[in-house]
Amino acid sequence: MSTVVRASVVQACTAAYSLSDTLDKLERLTKQAKERDGTQLAVFPEAFIGGYPKMSTFGVVVGERTVEGRDEFLRYHQAAIELPSPALARIEGVSRETGVFLVVGVIERDGGTLYCTVVFVDPEQGYVAKHRKLMPTAAERLIWGQGGPDTLPVVKKQFNTLAKPENAVCTKLSATICWENYMPLLRTFYYSKGTQIYCAPTVDARPVWQNTMVHIALEGRCFVLAACQYAQEKDYPPDHAVANAQARNGDNVMIAGGSVIVSPLGTVLAGPLLDGEGILTADLDLDDIVRGKFDFDVVGHYARRDVFSLEVTGAGP
């Protein structure tokens, strides 16, 4: 029986402070992945909708905020989206038109608070779930709220198999954002829920990120799909902060990419993609998950439940 699903990771940056242009870009890249590669699942980076404010300070030092920083937050808040919203409806329309299941990083606006969120959008059902980043990293805590146990979904999705499109295979997908991937208990929670396609939207472009992605694939015996932004100075407004204001150059790299797809035994199936925007695609044989768990099942025969236990407060079923 065929159990192969075709998946893509999209490496791209936000059209800064232009929601309409960013949604146009999402539509164009999704259609490209579908028409060129025949993808069934596409993962977009962290904060793709709304943007990642690399190098921004929002005028903050300990004990003091500036008027200019408050204005910068206002602009960033206005670039975010609500759930539901016309922007989400547009994403649903792209998914429906292309037949591609979308996992998209967004900046979610909920009242006065922003969240770094991932939305799951199904071609038939539309928006089905979201995950809010549990712990923003470092200065991200200035601008993003903390997610809670109510947004830790593992989403079930039936995909038609490649070899026999009349057959369907049921998969389980999750999303873990950027440095959440360094939270061992969160990873264990998703493993315990049976995640098979472990999506990792990120803006971490360091070379060591590749080690993390391979480790998680091996640890969870799951497919890891890491989608990172690639952005240059010219992709940000002229007044945006840069690493070196004395050496401004539109071609200077702000976020260096590194998107990758890894198999349950740690084999890199595609990528890492560096030096530009693009799309990586790979065929995921879901039977490889069971093949991998033959000798290591981190929440099964390797779990040692007589020694360790995991308690998650307030999480759904």
C-alpha atoms as a PDB file:
ATOM      1  CA  MET A   1       0.000   0.000   0.000  1.00  0.00           C
ATOM      2  CA  SER A   2       1.383   3.419  -0.952  1.00  0.00           C
ATOM      3  CA  THR A   3       1.961   5.783   1.968  1.00  0.00           C
ATOM      4  CA  VAL A   4       3.850   8.582   0.206  1.00  0.00           C
ATOM      5  CA  VAL A   5       2.849  12.233   0.590  1.00  0.00           C
ATOM      6  CA  ARG A   6       4.571  15.133  -1.173  1.00  0.00           C
ATOM      7  CA  ALA A   7       5.451  18.112   1.013  1.00  0.00           C
ATOM      8  CA  SER A   8       7.201  21.456   0.564  1.00  0.00           C
ATOM      9  CA  VAL A   9       8.824  24.083   2.740  1.00  0.00           C
ATOM     10  CA  VAL A  10       8.711  27.632   1.454  1.00  0.00           C
ATOM     11  CA  GLN A  11      11.642  29.923   2.202  1.00  0.00           C
ATOM     12  CA  ALA A  12      10.544  33.526   1.781  1.00  0.00           C
ATOM     13  CA  CYS A  13      10.202  36.805   3.622  1.00  0.00           C
ATOM     14  CA  THR A  14       7.290  39.056   4.368  1.00  0.00           C
ATOM     15  CA  ALA A  15       6.406  41.980   2.124  1.00  0.00           C
ATOM     16  CA  ALA A  16       7.027  44.346   5.011  1.00  0.00           C
ATOM     17  CA  TYR A  17       3.966  46.136   6.366  1.00  0.00           C
ATOM     18  CA  SER A  18       1.917  45.192   3.306  1.00  0.00           C
ATOM     19  CA  LEU A  19      -0.609  42.495   4.116  1.00  0.00           C
ATOM     20  CA  SER A  20      -2.027  42.429   0.598  1.00  0.00           C
ATOM     21  CA  ASP A  21       1.404  41.986  -0.991  1.00  0.00           C
ATOM     22  CA  THR A  22       2.320  39.255   1.493  1.00  0.00           C
ATOM     23  CA  LEU A  23      -0.904  37.382   0.777  1.00  0.00           C
ATOM     24  CA  ASP A  24      -0.225  37.732  -2.937  1.00  0.00           C
ATOM     25  CA  LYS A  25       3.207  36.235  -2.329  1.00  0.00           C
ATOM     26  CA  LEU A  26       1.722  33.338  -0.357  1.00  0.00           C
ATOM     27  CA  GLU A  27      -0.680  32.645  -3.214  1.00  0.00           C
ATOM     28  CA  ARG A  28       2.050  32.806  -5.839  1.00  0.00           C
ATOM     29  CA  LEU A  29       4.427  30.519  -3.960  1.00  0.00           C
ATOM     30  CA  THR A  30       1.700  28.017  -3.086  1.00  0.00           C
ATOM     31  CA  LYS A  31       0.661  27.823  -6.733  1.00  0.00           C
ATOM     32  CA  GLN A  32       4.293  27.385  -7.744  1.00  0.00           C
ATOM     33  CA  ALA A  33       4.741  24.516  -5.299  1.00  0.00           C
ATOM     34  CA  LYS A  34       1.560  22.872  -6.582  1.00  0.00           C
ATOM     35  CA  GLU A  35       2.104  23.376 -10.304  1.00  0.00           C
ATOM     36  CA  ARG A  36       5.850  22.738 -10.410  1.00  0.00           C
ATOM     37  CA  ASP A  37       6.207  20.060  -7.727  1.00  0.00           C
ATOM     38  CA  GLY A  38       2.735  18.661  -7.186  1.00  0.00           C
ATOM     39  CA  THR A  39       2.928  19.383  -3.476  1.00  0.00           C
ATOM     40  CA  GLN A  40       0.094  18.447  -1.136  1.00  0.00           C
ATOM     41  CA  LEU A  41       1.403  20.229   1.972  1.00  0.00           C
ATOM     42  CA  ALA A  42       3.283  23.531   2.187  1.00  0.00           C
ATOM     43  CA  VAL A  43       4.891  24.997   5.307  1.00  0.00           C
ATOM     44  CA  PHE A  44       5.646  28.739   5.457  1.00  0.00           C
ATOM     45  CA  PRO A  45       8.075  30.377   7.910  1.00  0.00           C
ATOM     46  CA  GLU A  46       7.542  31.885  11.327  1.00  0.00           C
ATOM     47  CA  ALA A  47       5.883  35.329  11.187  1.00  0.00           C
ATOM     48  CA  PHE A  48       5.481  35.191   7.417  1.00  0.00           C
ATOM     49  CA  ILE A  49       2.189  37.079   7.687  1.00  0.00           C
ATOM     50  CA  GLY A  50       2.875  40.200   9.757  1.00  0.00           C
ATOM     51  CA  GLY A  51       6.643  40.005   9.619  1.00  0.00           C
ATOM     52  CA  TYR A  52       9.602  39.332  11.882  1.00  0.00           C
ATOM     53  CA  PRO A  53      11.053  42.646  13.140  1.00  0.00           C
ATOM     54  CA  LYS A  54      14.694  41.615  13.024  1.00  0.00           C
ATOM     55  CA  MET A  55      16.979  44.074  14.865  1.00  0.00           C
ATOM     56  CA  SER A  56      14.080  46.189  16.161  1.00  0.00           C
ATOM     57  CA  THR A  57      14.270  47.472  19.734  1.00  0.00           C
ATOM     58  CA  PHE A  58      10.861  49.178  19.959  1.00  0.00           C
ATOM     59  CA  GLY A  59      12.614  51.891  21.949  1.00  0.00           C
ATOM     60  CA  VAL A  60      12.971  49.759  25.063  1.00  0.00           C
ATOM     61  CA  VAL A  61      15.574  49.684  27.796  1.00  0.00           C
ATOM     62  CA  VAL A  62      14.949  48.320  31.268  1.00  0.00           C
ATOM     63  CA  GLY A  63      12.590  50.686  33.038  1.00  0.00           C
ATOM     64  CA  GLU A  64      11.924  53.001  30.081  1.00  0.00           C
ATOM     65  CA  ARG A  65       9.952  53.102  26.813  1.00  0.00           C
ATOM     66  CA  THR A  66      10.096  55.814  24.143  1.00  0.00           C
ATOM     67  CA  VAL A  67       7.302  57.494  22.240  1.00  0.00           C
ATOM     68  CA  GLU A  68       8.944  56.376  19.000  1.00  0.00           C
ATOM     69  CA  GLY A  69       8.971  52.779  20.213  1.00  0.00           C
ATOM     70  CA  ARG A  70       5.261  52.911  20.983  1.00  0.00           C
ATOM     71  CA  ASP A  71       4.641  54.208  17.466  1.00  0.00           C
ATOM     72  CA  GLU A  72       6.721  51.359  16.063  1.00  0.00           C
ATOM     73  CA  PHE A  73       4.628  48.864  18.009  1.00  0.00           C
ATOM     74  CA  LEU A  74       1.477  50.518  16.665  1.00  0.00           C
ATOM     75  CA  ARG A  75       2.695  50.006  13.098  1.00  0.00           C
ATOM     76  CA  TYR A  76       3.595  46.383  13.847  1.00  0.00           C
ATOM     77  CA  HIS A  77       0.238  45.797  15.558  1.00  0.00           C
ATOM     78  CA  GLN A  78      -1.570  47.155  12.506  1.00  0.00           C
ATOM     79  CA  ALA A  79       0.354  44.724  10.250  1.00  0.00           C
ATOM     80  CA  ALA A  80      -0.879  41.702  12.236  1.00  0.00           C
ATOM     81  CA  ILE A  81      -4.063  39.758  11.496  1.00  0.00           C
ATOM     82  CA  GLU A  82      -7.008  38.602  13.543  1.00  0.00           C
ATOM     83  CA  LEU A  83      -8.370  35.063  13.569  1.00  0.00           C
ATOM     84  CA  PRO A  84     -10.830  34.887  11.904  1.00  0.00           C
ATOM     85  CA  SER A  85     -10.433  37.776   9.465  1.00  0.00           C
ATOM     86  CA  PRO A  86     -10.535  38.574   5.736  1.00  0.00           C
ATOM     87  CA  ALA A  87      -6.818  37.764   5.635  1.00  0.00           C
ATOM     88  CA  LEU A  88      -7.473  34.280   6.991  1.00  0.00           C
ATOM     89  CA  ALA A  89     -10.299  33.890   4.471  1.00  0.00           C
ATOM     90  CA  ARG A  90      -7.793  34.731   1.732  1.00  0.00           C
ATOM     91  CA  ILE A  91      -5.433  32.008   2.980  1.00  0.00           C
ATOM     92  CA  GLU A  92      -8.364  29.580   3.042  1.00  0.00           C
ATOM     93  CA  GLY A  93      -9.140  30.534  -0.553  1.00  0.00           C
ATOM     94  CA  VAL A  94      -5.568  29.809  -1.652  1.00  0.00           C
ATOM     95  CA  SER A  95      -5.670  26.422   0.050  1.00  0.00           C
ATOM     96  CA  ARG A  96      -9.044  25.581  -1.484  1.00  0.00           C
ATOM     97  CA  GLU A  97      -8.064  26.695  -4.997  1.00  0.00           C
ATOM     98  CA  THR A  98      -4.760  24.821  -5.046  1.00  0.00           C
ATOM     99  CA  GLY A  99      -5.733  21.798  -2.969  1.00  0.00           C
ATOM    100  CA  VAL A 100      -2.661  22.372  -0.770  1.00  0.00           C
ATOM    101  CA  PHE A 101      -2.815  22.001   3.013  1.00  0.00           C
ATOM    102  CA  LEU A 102      -1.114  25.108   4.426  1.00  0.00           C
ATOM    103  CA  VAL A 103       0.852  25.583   7.640  1.00  0.00           C
ATOM    104  CA  VAL A 104       1.597  29.304   7.883  1.00  0.00           C
ATOM    105  CA  GLY A 105       3.373  31.462  10.435  1.00  0.00           C
ATOM    106  CA  VAL A 106       1.381  34.603  11.252  1.00  0.00           C
ATOM    107  CA  ILE A 107       1.446  37.450  13.733  1.00  0.00           C
ATOM    108  CA  GLU A 108      -1.945  37.214  15.381  1.00  0.00           C
ATOM    109  CA  ARG A 109      -3.654  40.266  16.823  1.00  0.00           C
ATOM    110  CA  ASP A 110      -6.008  39.602  19.744  1.00  0.00           C
ATOM    111  CA  GLY A 111      -7.076  42.897  21.280  1.00  0.00           C
ATOM    112  CA  GLY A 112      -3.951  44.790  22.272  1.00  0.00           C
ATOM    113  CA  THR A 113      -1.748  41.688  22.402  1.00  0.00           C
ATOM    114  CA  LEU A 114       0.185  40.073  19.567  1.00  0.00           C
ATOM    115  CA  TYR A 115       1.022  36.385  19.343  1.00  0.00           C
ATOM    116  CA  CYS A 116       3.485  34.524  17.159  1.00  0.00           C
ATOM    117  CA  THR A 117       1.109  31.910  15.781  1.00  0.00           C
ATOM    118  CA  VAL A 118       0.902  29.133  13.221  1.00  0.00           C
ATOM    119  CA  VAL A 119      -2.373  28.416  11.444  1.00  0.00           C
ATOM    120  CA  PHE A 120      -3.384  25.092   9.882  1.00  0.00           C
ATOM    121  CA  VAL A 121      -5.587  25.505   6.804  1.00  0.00           C
ATOM    122  CA  ASP A 122      -7.238  22.566   5.038  1.00  0.00           C
ATOM    123  CA  PRO A 123      -8.421  22.705   1.392  1.00  0.00           C
ATOM    124  CA  GLU A 124     -11.814  21.246   2.316  1.00  0.00           C
ATOM    125  CA  GLN A 125     -12.363  22.389   5.894  1.00  0.00           C
ATOM    126  CA  GLY A 126     -10.578  25.725   5.816  1.00  0.00           C
ATOM    127  CA  TYR A 127      -8.974  26.962   9.028  1.00  0.00           C
ATOM    128  CA  VAL A 128      -8.834  24.030  11.435  1.00  0.00           C
ATOM    129  CA  ALA A 129      -6.422  24.979  14.232  1.00  0.00           C
ATOM    130  CA  LYS A 130      -3.730  27.314  15.482  1.00  0.00           C
ATOM    131  CA  HIS A 131      -0.676  27.099  17.691  1.00  0.00           C
ATOM    132  CA  ARG A 132       0.559  30.115  19.635  1.00  0.00           C
ATOM    133  CA  LYS A 133       4.247  30.194  20.511  1.00  0.00           C
ATOM    134  CA  LEU A 134       4.488  29.234  24.173  1.00  0.00           C
ATOM    135  CA  MET A 135       7.617  31.194  25.019  1.00  0.00           C
ATOM    136  CA  PRO A 136       8.829  34.110  22.907  1.00  0.00           C
ATOM    137  CA  THR A 137      12.618  34.257  22.823  1.00  0.00           C
ATOM    138  CA  ALA A 138      14.582  37.055  24.468  1.00  0.00           C
ATOM    139  CA  ALA A 139      13.430  40.486  23.217  1.00  0.00           C
ATOM    140  CA  GLU A 140      10.469  38.886  21.437  1.00  0.00           C
ATOM    141  CA  ARG A 141       8.822  38.960  24.873  1.00  0.00           C
ATOM    142  CA  LEU A 142       8.501  42.741  24.492  1.00  0.00           C
ATOM    143  CA  ILE A 143       6.074  42.381  21.602  1.00  0.00           C
ATOM    144  CA  TRP A 144       4.474  38.913  21.761  1.00  0.00           C
ATOM    145  CA  GLY A 145       2.293  37.315  24.400  1.00  0.00           C
ATOM    146  CA  GLN A 146       2.730  33.740  25.590  1.00  0.00           C
ATOM    147  CA  GLY A 147       0.656  30.938  24.137  1.00  0.00           C
ATOM    148  CA  GLY A 148      -1.154  28.478  26.375  1.00  0.00           C
ATOM    149  CA  PRO A 149      -2.097  24.802  26.571  1.00  0.00           C
ATOM    150  CA  ASP A 150      -5.286  25.464  24.607  1.00  0.00           C
ATOM    151  CA  THR A 151      -3.331  25.895  21.354  1.00  0.00           C
ATOM    152  CA  LEU A 152      -1.198  22.750  21.172  1.00  0.00           C
ATOM    153  CA  PRO A 153      -2.948  20.898  18.363  1.00  0.00           C
ATOM    154  CA  VAL A 154      -1.898  17.768  16.535  1.00  0.00           C
ATOM    155  CA  VAL A 155      -3.991  17.960  13.395  1.00  0.00           C
ATOM    156  CA  LYS A 156      -5.235  14.877  11.564  1.00  0.00           C
ATOM    157  CA  LYS A 157      -5.296  15.085   7.777  1.00  0.00           C
ATOM    158  CA  GLN A 158      -5.990  12.532   5.071  1.00  0.00           C
ATOM    159  CA  PHE A 159      -3.830  12.905   1.983  1.00  0.00           C
ATOM    160  CA  ASN A 160      -4.282  10.998  -1.246  1.00  0.00           C
ATOM    161  CA  THR A 161      -1.176   8.894  -1.827  1.00  0.00           C
ATOM    162  CA  LEU A 162       1.093   9.629  -4.763  1.00  0.00           C
ATOM    163  CA  ALA A 163       1.243   6.160  -6.291  1.00  0.00           C
ATOM    164  CA  LYS A 164      -2.494   5.535  -5.952  1.00  0.00           C
ATOM    165  CA  PRO A 165      -4.376   8.845  -5.695  1.00  0.00           C
ATOM    166  CA  GLU A 166      -7.608   6.948  -5.105  1.00  0.00           C
ATOM    167  CA  ASN A 167      -6.161   5.765  -1.781  1.00  0.00           C
ATOM    168  CA  ALA A 168      -5.787   8.011   1.242  1.00  0.00           C
ATOM    169  CA  VAL A 169      -3.415   7.918   4.180  1.00  0.00           C
ATOM    170  CA  CYS A 170      -4.150   9.587   7.511  1.00  0.00           C
ATOM    171  CA  THR A 171      -1.376  11.770   8.906  1.00  0.00           C
ATOM    172  CA  LYS A 172      -0.832  13.768  12.068  1.00  0.00           C
ATOM    173  CA  LEU A 173       0.789  17.208  11.865  1.00  0.00           C
ATOM    174  CA  SER A 174       2.101  19.574  14.510  1.00  0.00           C
ATOM    175  CA  ALA A 175       3.939  22.901  14.521  1.00  0.00           C
ATOM    176  CA  THR A 176       6.703  24.006  16.868  1.00  0.00           C
ATOM    177  CA  ILE A 177       7.972  27.542  16.354  1.00  0.00           C
ATOM    178  CA  CYS A 178      11.667  28.469  16.344  1.00  0.00           C
ATOM    179  CA  TRP A 179      13.220  28.066  19.814  1.00  0.00           C
ATOM    180  CA  GLU A 180      10.218  26.160  21.108  1.00  0.00           C
ATOM    181  CA  ASN A 181      12.136  23.330  19.473  1.00  0.00           C
ATOM    182  CA  TYR A 182      14.586  23.552  22.364  1.00  0.00           C
ATOM    183  CA  MET A 183      11.824  22.755  24.875  1.00  0.00           C
ATOM    184  CA  PRO A 184      12.209  18.990  25.510  1.00  0.00           C
ATOM    185  CA  LEU A 185       8.857  18.605  27.260  1.00  0.00           C
ATOM    186  CA  LEU A 186       7.002  20.306  24.426  1.00  0.00           C
ATOM    187  CA  ARG A 187       8.648  17.983  21.918  1.00  0.00           C
ATOM    188  CA  THR A 188       7.746  15.014  24.104  1.00  0.00           C
ATOM    189  CA  PHE A 189       4.142  16.193  24.271  1.00  0.00           C
ATOM    190  CA  TYR A 190       3.875  16.277  20.482  1.00  0.00           C
ATOM    191  CA  TYR A 191       5.578  12.895  20.175  1.00  0.00           C
ATOM    192  CA  SER A 192       3.100  11.484  22.679  1.00  0.00           C
ATOM    193  CA  LYS A 193       0.243  12.733  20.488  1.00  0.00           C
ATOM    194  CA  GLY A 194       1.656  10.820  17.544  1.00  0.00           C
ATOM    195  CA  THR A 195       2.947  13.644  15.362  1.00  0.00           C
ATOM    196  CA  GLN A 196       4.276  12.297  12.076  1.00  0.00           C
ATOM    197  CA  ILE A 197       4.950  15.507  10.165  1.00  0.00           C
ATOM    198  CA  TYR A 198       6.655  17.849  12.601  1.00  0.00           C
ATOM    199  CA  CYS A 199       6.598  21.357  11.163  1.00  0.00           C
ATOM    200  CA  ALA A 200       9.164  23.864  12.414  1.00  0.00           C
ATOM    201  CA  PRO A 201       8.525  27.395  11.130  1.00  0.00           C
ATOM    202  CA  THR A 202      11.472  29.542  12.180  1.00  0.00           C
ATOM    203  CA  VAL A 203      13.713  32.536  11.605  1.00  0.00           C
ATOM    204  CA  ASP A 204      16.762  30.798  13.096  1.00  0.00           C
ATOM    205  CA  ALA A 205      19.293  30.743  10.271  1.00  0.00           C
ATOM    206  CA  ARG A 206      22.339  29.639  12.267  1.00  0.00           C
ATOM    207  CA  PRO A 207      24.247  26.611  10.908  1.00  0.00           C
ATOM    208  CA  VAL A 208      23.667  24.776  14.212  1.00  0.00           C
ATOM    209  CA  TRP A 209      19.913  24.870  13.514  1.00  0.00           C
ATOM    210  CA  GLN A 210      20.506  22.036  11.064  1.00  0.00           C
ATOM    211  CA  ASN A 211      21.791  19.880  13.921  1.00  0.00           C
ATOM    212  CA  THR A 212      18.623  20.592  15.880  1.00  0.00           C
ATOM    213  CA  MET A 213      16.359  19.576  13.006  1.00  0.00           C
ATOM    214  CA  VAL A 214      18.230  16.317  12.423  1.00  0.00           C
ATOM    215  CA  HIS A 215      18.201  15.559  16.151  1.00  0.00           C
ATOM    216  CA  ILE A 216      14.433  16.068  16.406  1.00  0.00           C
ATOM    217  CA  ALA A 217      13.787  13.843  13.392  1.00  0.00           C
ATOM    218  CA  LEU A 218      15.867  11.102  14.989  1.00  0.00           C
ATOM    219  CA  GLU A 219      14.438  11.629  18.457  1.00  0.00           C
ATOM    220  CA  GLY A 220      10.793  11.692  17.403  1.00  0.00           C
ATOM    221  CA  ARG A 221      11.161   9.328  14.439  1.00  0.00           C
ATOM    222  CA  CYS A 222       9.124  11.821  12.440  1.00  0.00           C
ATOM    223  CA  PHE A 223       9.532  13.913   9.326  1.00  0.00           C
ATOM    224  CA  VAL A 224      10.763  17.404  10.156  1.00  0.00           C
ATOM    225  CA  LEU A 225       9.828  20.275   7.841  1.00  0.00           C
ATOM    226  CA  ALA A 226      11.702  23.459   8.774  1.00  0.00           C
ATOM    227  CA  ALA A 227      10.719  26.612   6.884  1.00  0.00           C
ATOM    228  CA  CYS A 228      12.879  29.670   7.509  1.00  0.00           C
ATOM    229  CA  GLN A 229      12.632  33.202   6.202  1.00  0.00           C
ATOM    230  CA  TYR A 230      15.267  34.639   3.881  1.00  0.00           C
ATOM    231  CA  ALA A 231      15.398  38.428   4.070  1.00  0.00           C
ATOM    232  CA  GLN A 232      17.736  41.241   3.093  1.00  0.00           C
ATOM    233  CA  GLU A 233      17.860  44.863   4.215  1.00  0.00           C
ATOM    234  CA  LYS A 234      15.935  45.898   1.113  1.00  0.00           C
ATOM    235  CA  ASP A 235      13.010  43.749   2.279  1.00  0.00           C
ATOM    236  CA  TYR A 236      12.531  46.057   5.283  1.00  0.00           C
ATOM    237  CA  PRO A 237      11.476  49.731   5.318  1.00  0.00           C
ATOM    238  CA  PRO A 238      14.326  52.253   4.955  1.00  0.00           C
ATOM    239  CA  ASP A 239      13.931  53.367   8.575  1.00  0.00           C
ATOM    240  CA  HIS A 240      14.161  49.828   9.955  1.00  0.00           C
ATOM    241  CA  ALA A 241      17.047  48.965  12.286  1.00  0.00           C
ATOM    242  CA  VAL A 242      19.992  47.060  10.813  1.00  0.00           C
ATOM    243  CA  ALA A 243      23.022  45.426  12.373  1.00  0.00           C
ATOM    244  CA  ASN A 244      25.372  48.154  11.203  1.00  0.00           C
ATOM    245  CA  ALA A 245      23.779  51.499  10.360  1.00  0.00           C
ATOM    246  CA  GLN A 246      27.127  52.765   8.985  1.00  0.00           C
ATOM    247  CA  ALA A 247      27.254  49.968   6.434  1.00  0.00           C
ATOM    248  CA  ARG A 248      23.743  49.945   5.056  1.00  0.00           C
ATOM    249  CA  ASN A 249      23.375  47.955   1.867  1.00  0.00           C
ATOM    250  CA  GLY A 250      20.133  46.617   0.470  1.00  0.00           C
ATOM    251  CA  ASP A 251      21.774  43.286  -0.288  1.00  0.00           C
ATOM    252  CA  ASN A 252      22.949  42.710   3.282  1.00  0.00           C
ATOM    253  CA  VAL A 253      21.337  39.588   4.689  1.00  0.00           C
ATOM    254  CA  MET A 254      19.027  39.991   7.698  1.00  0.00           C
ATOM    255  CA  ILE A 255      17.753  36.371   7.886  1.00  0.00           C
ATOM    256  CA  ALA A 256      19.848  33.796   6.043  1.00  0.00           C
ATOM    257  CA  GLY A 257      17.438  30.915   5.437  1.00  0.00           C
ATOM    258  CA  GLY A 258      18.398  27.284   5.931  1.00  0.00           C
ATOM    259  CA  SER A 259      15.062  25.576   5.307  1.00  0.00           C
ATOM    260  CA  VAL A 260      15.341  21.795   5.309  1.00  0.00           C
ATOM    261  CA  ILE A 261      13.342  18.555   5.182  1.00  0.00           C
ATOM    262  CA  VAL A 262      14.606  15.607   7.251  1.00  0.00           C
ATOM    263  CA  SER A 263      13.493  11.967   7.373  1.00  0.00           C
ATOM    264  CA  PRO A 264      12.727   9.950  10.550  1.00  0.00           C
ATOM    265  CA  LEU A 265      16.211   8.432  10.444  1.00  0.00           C
ATOM    266  CA  GLY A 266      17.946  11.792  10.120  1.00  0.00           C
ATOM    267  CA  THR A 267      18.526  11.781   6.373  1.00  0.00           C
ATOM    268  CA  VAL A 268      18.310  15.237   4.816  1.00  0.00           C
ATOM    269  CA  LEU A 269      15.801  14.846   1.979  1.00  0.00           C
ATOM    270  CA  ALA A 270      15.996  18.447   0.733  1.00  0.00           C
ATOM    271  CA  GLY A 271      18.126  21.437   1.597  1.00  0.00           C
ATOM    272  CA  PRO A 272      19.356  23.223   3.504  1.00  0.00           C
ATOM    273  CA  LEU A 273      18.380  26.106   1.229  1.00  0.00           C
ATOM    274  CA  LEU A 274      20.718  29.083   1.534  1.00  0.00           C
ATOM    275  CA  ASP A 275      21.411  32.344  -0.282  1.00  0.00           C
ATOM    276  CA  GLY A 276      17.895  33.145  -1.447  1.00  0.00           C
ATOM    277  CA  GLU A 277      14.201  32.499  -1.459  1.00  0.00           C
ATOM    278  CA  GLY A 278      12.871  29.246  -2.852  1.00  0.00           C
ATOM    279  CA  ILE A 279      10.870  26.075  -2.343  1.00  0.00           C
ATOM    280  CA  LEU A 280      12.108  22.652  -1.254  1.00  0.00           C
ATOM    281  CA  THR A 281       9.993  19.574  -1.945  1.00  0.00           C
ATOM    282  CA  ALA A 282      10.343  15.946  -0.896  1.00  0.00           C
ATOM    283  CA  ASP A 283       8.297  12.757  -0.925  1.00  0.00           C
ATOM    284  CA  LEU A 284       7.512  11.550   2.588  1.00  0.00           C
ATOM    285  CA  ASP A 285       7.005   7.797   2.915  1.00  0.00           C
ATOM    286  CA  LEU A 286       5.045   7.594   6.154  1.00  0.00           C
ATOM    287  CA  ASP A 287       6.016   3.945   6.551  1.00  0.00           C
ATOM    288  CA  ASP A 288       9.538   5.204   7.271  1.00  0.00           C
ATOM    289  CA  ILE A 289       8.207   6.391  10.637  1.00  0.00           C
ATOM    290  CA  VAL A 290       7.398   2.833  11.697  1.00  0.00           C
ATOM    291  CA  ARG A 291      10.664   1.586  10.216  1.00  0.00           C
ATOM    292  CA  GLY A 292      12.448   4.092  12.426  1.00  0.00           C
ATOM    293  CA  LYS A 293      10.513   3.169  15.559  1.00  0.00           C
ATOM    294  CA  PHE A 294      11.616  -0.449  15.198  1.00  0.00           C
ATOM    295  CA  ASP A 295      14.632   0.312  17.398  1.00  0.00           C
ATOM    296  CA  PHE A 296      13.673   3.608  19.054  1.00  0.00           C
ATOM    297  CA  ASP A 297      10.240   4.825  20.088  1.00  0.00           C
ATOM    298  CA  VAL A 298      10.766   7.731  22.468  1.00  0.00           C
ATOM    299  CA  VAL A 299       7.204   7.570  23.828  1.00  0.00           C
ATOM    300  CA  GLY A 300       6.842   3.796  23.448  1.00  0.00           C
ATOM    301  CA  HIS A 301       9.278   1.050  24.355  1.00  0.00           C
ATOM    302  CA  TYR A 302      12.034   3.603  25.098  1.00  0.00           C
ATOM    303  CA  ALA A 303       9.893   5.792  27.356  1.00  0.00           C
ATOM    304  CA  ARG A 304      10.522   4.062  30.701  1.00  0.00           C
ATOM    305  CA  ARG A 305       7.201   5.180  32.154  1.00  0.00           C
ATOM    306  CA  ASP A 306       8.128   3.428  35.374  1.00  0.00           C
ATOM    307  CA  VAL A 307      10.781   6.125  35.813  1.00  0.00           C
ATOM    308  CA  PHE A 308       9.473   9.203  33.954  1.00  0.00           C
ATOM    309  CA  SER A 309       6.094  10.814  33.368  1.00  0.00           C
ATOM    310  CA  LEU A 310       4.858  13.905  31.544  1.00  0.00           C
ATOM    311  CA  GLU A 311       2.022  16.045  32.872  1.00  0.00           C
ATOM    312  CA  VAL A 312       0.538  18.739  30.631  1.00  0.00           C
ATOM    313  CA  THR A 313      -1.788  21.189  32.308  1.00  0.00           C
ATOM    314  CA  GLY A 314      -4.948  22.117  30.427  1.00  0.00           C
ATOM    315  CA  ALA A 315      -4.069  20.624  27.047  1.00  0.00           C
ATOM    316  CA  GLY A 316      -6.809  19.296  24.831  1.00  0.00           C
ATOM    317  CA  PRO A 317      -7.219  15.637  23.867  1.00  0.00           C
END
